[in-house]
Amino acid sequence: MKEWWNKKKEKMRKSKKHNDQYSFGDFLIDVLIWIPELVLLPFRIVFWLLRGLGRLIENIFNVV
């Protein structure tokens, strides 16, 4: 039983050491997630600005 436990413990130590590395696959996943975000960001900013401008104009007309 002790041999089995030591082998299991050694395997767990090895797997923990390899999980801390940032692999090429992780990089590709990050790039694939960030590309749509970077493409859509300018459109979101324009949308927010137009929406805020519309609300400002609406508030001005409500005051008058």
Protein backbone atom coordinates (compact mmCIF):
# COMPACT_ATOMS: atom_id res chain seq x y z
CA MET A 1 0.00 0.00 0.00
CA LYS A 2 2.86 2.36 0.80
CA GLU A 3 4.42 1.84 -2.67
CA TRP A 4 1.13 2.61 -4.35
CA TRP A 5 0.70 5.76 -2.28
CA ASN A 6 4.22 6.98 -3.07
CA LYS A 7 3.69 6.42 -6.81
CA LYS A 8 0.40 8.29 -6.69
CA LYS A 9 1.96 11.16 -4.76
CA GLU A 10 4.83 11.40 -7.27
CA LYS A 11 2.38 11.52 -10.22
CA MET A 12 0.43 14.31 -8.56
CA ARG A 13 3.60 16.33 -7.99
CA LYS A 14 4.58 15.97 -11.64
CA SER A 15 1.13 16.98 -12.88
CA LYS A 16 1.09 20.06 -10.64
CA LYS A 17 4.47 21.18 -11.99
CA HIS A 18 3.30 20.98 -15.61
CA ASN A 19 -0.01 22.76 -15.02
CA ASP A 20 1.69 26.03 -14.07
CA GLN A 21 3.14 26.57 -17.55
CA TYR A 22 1.48 28.85 -20.10
CA SER A 23 1.29 26.74 -23.23
CA PHE A 24 0.87 27.65 -26.89
CA GLY A 25 -2.69 26.30 -26.76
CA ASP A 26 -3.50 28.71 -23.94
CA PHE A 27 -2.09 31.55 -26.03
CA LEU A 28 -4.25 30.59 -29.02
CA ILE A 29 -7.39 30.45 -26.90
CA ASP A 30 -6.61 33.89 -25.44
CA VAL A 31 -6.08 35.34 -28.92
CA LEU A 32 -9.30 33.80 -30.24
CA ILE A 33 -11.23 35.28 -27.32
CA TRP A 34 -9.68 38.77 -27.55
CA ILE A 35 -9.96 39.29 -31.35
CA PRO A 36 -13.77 39.70 -31.32
CA GLU A 37 -13.52 41.94 -28.27
CA LEU A 38 -11.02 44.23 -29.96
CA VAL A 39 -13.06 44.34 -33.18
CA LEU A 40 -16.34 45.17 -31.42
CA LEU A 41 -14.92 47.68 -28.92
CA PRO A 42 -14.99 50.74 -31.26
CA PHE A 43 -18.63 50.03 -32.16
CA ARG A 44 -19.54 49.73 -28.49
CA ILE A 45 -17.86 53.05 -27.70
CA VAL A 46 -19.73 54.81 -30.53
CA PHE A 47 -23.01 53.24 -29.37
CA TRP A 48 -22.44 54.38 -25.77
CA LEU A 49 -21.54 57.90 -26.88
CA LEU A 50 -24.63 58.21 -29.11
CA ARG A 51 -26.85 56.79 -26.39
CA GLY A 52 -25.46 59.23 -23.82
CA LEU A 53 -25.85 62.13 -26.25
CA GLY A 54 -29.45 61.10 -26.91
CA ARG A 55 -30.22 61.00 -23.21
CA LEU A 56 -28.63 64.42 -22.73
CA ILE A 57 -30.73 65.92 -25.51
CA GLU A 58 -33.85 64.25 -24.09
CA ASN A 59 -33.15 65.74 -20.66
CA ILE A 60 -32.66 69.19 -22.15
CA PHE A 61 -36.05 69.02 -23.87
CA ASN A 62 -37.69 67.76 -20.67
CA VAL A 63 -36.42 70.79 -18.78
CA VAL A 64 -37.78 73.21 -21.39
